[in-house]
Amino acid sequence: MKPFKEAIISANDKTTTPLTYADAGVNIDAGDALIDDIGGDARRTQRPGADASLGGFGALFDIKAAGYRDPILVAATDGVGTKLELAQATHNHRGLGIDLVAMCANDVLAQGAMPLFFLDYFATGVLEGDVAKTVVAGIADGCIDAGCALIGGETAEMPGVYPKGSYDLAGFCVGAVERGQMIDPKRTKAGDVAIAVASRGVHANGFSLVRKVIERSGADLNAPSPFGGDDIAPDATLGEVLLTPTAIYAKPVQAVLDAIGGAEHLHGLAHITGGGLIENPPRAFAKTLGLELDLTSWVLPPVFAWLKQMGNIDSREMARVFNCGVGLLIYVDAANADAALAALEGAGHKAWVAGHLTERGDDPVVLGGIDSWEA
């Protein structure tokens, strides 16, 4: 045991040694450098109403300059779930930025609002500038596709909360729609047609189950994809296919609105995210109605067929967890179906009539032809 005087001197040596934030694991210089590095990505998202500059305490957006007269603002926030784990395992980060924008912007669209601006939150244990820059570049890609400006965000370095090499993402999107032009599910009625708009793979939901399938099957994310498909490159790896970014639907939805005469004729729009084809469709039609969905109207995409087979997943569980090939459901009067389909196809998105609304029965969604997924 040290003598009392020696112990005091030793303690003083420790407490008088100057500490810095870097000693605590936070690199201020790296954070400052990142802001400089991502400035160009923010600038390429500029649009009327925002100059997309970074670095202030708050970001500004001019609604009037964006062309709105009497707007209602619509906001949405989301993340990308455990898709993060696959991206980090395969060092494939850029698509997550697109996912982040898509998950928020597509929710804003469900009210008929067009995305205006976006902010992100990037949290990590140790800031790796190249990774963060790649993610933000993907966010900018998504913002351009959605027509919104990246006007700000937060980068949080939190050693002890996140382990080195990991990070988390969250996003926040605001859109606007003129008063009286919102999509109102109360307009839905029995006989309305349900138009499905194709997804681009798994999107950013259900990845805890995806990861469980990979764990059970022993599949190698870096090996060539074990299945093909029209949208899958011949040399794509399994990881690349699973990480295909979520589709952003702002442009096709605007095309539909233009083609059918505005929001009063687009009765409902459901973004198919967590809850799949069971829980999401009823959020966009009246509570007195039900949806008869014809699962034979499309072929289960190869990535979902593979997940189903490798995980021995029940068909109804598939429909409850995944989008199963449908990114949006749009409800319109049957007389407007052809115009809506043509607009969607013209905007570069595969679409088809997948069902119709009826008076509510025992279940809000009836999955017709579910046995076809067992083949």
Foldseek 3Di string as FASTA:
>chain_A
DDPPVVVVVVVCVVVPDDDDVVNVPDDPVLVVVLLVLQQVLLCVLDDFQANSGEDDPDFGGDPVSNPADAKDKDKFKDWQPCLQVLCLVVVPALLRLLLQLQVTQVVSCQFVFQWAEKEKEKEAQHDDSVNVSSNSSSVSVNSNLSSYGHRYYYYHHHHPVHDPSGMTMMMMIMTIDHPPQTQAQALADFQWFKKFWWKQAQARFDVVLVVVLCVQLVDDQQACDPDDDPPRDRRHGNSCSNSRHTDHCNQLSVLLQVQQPGNSFFNGKWFAHQQAQAPTPVVTHDPQKAWEFEPVVDDQGPVLLVSCVSVVDDLVVSRRTGNRTGGMIITGRPVSVVSSCVSNVVVPIHMDGGTTMRGDDPGRYHYHPSVVSVD
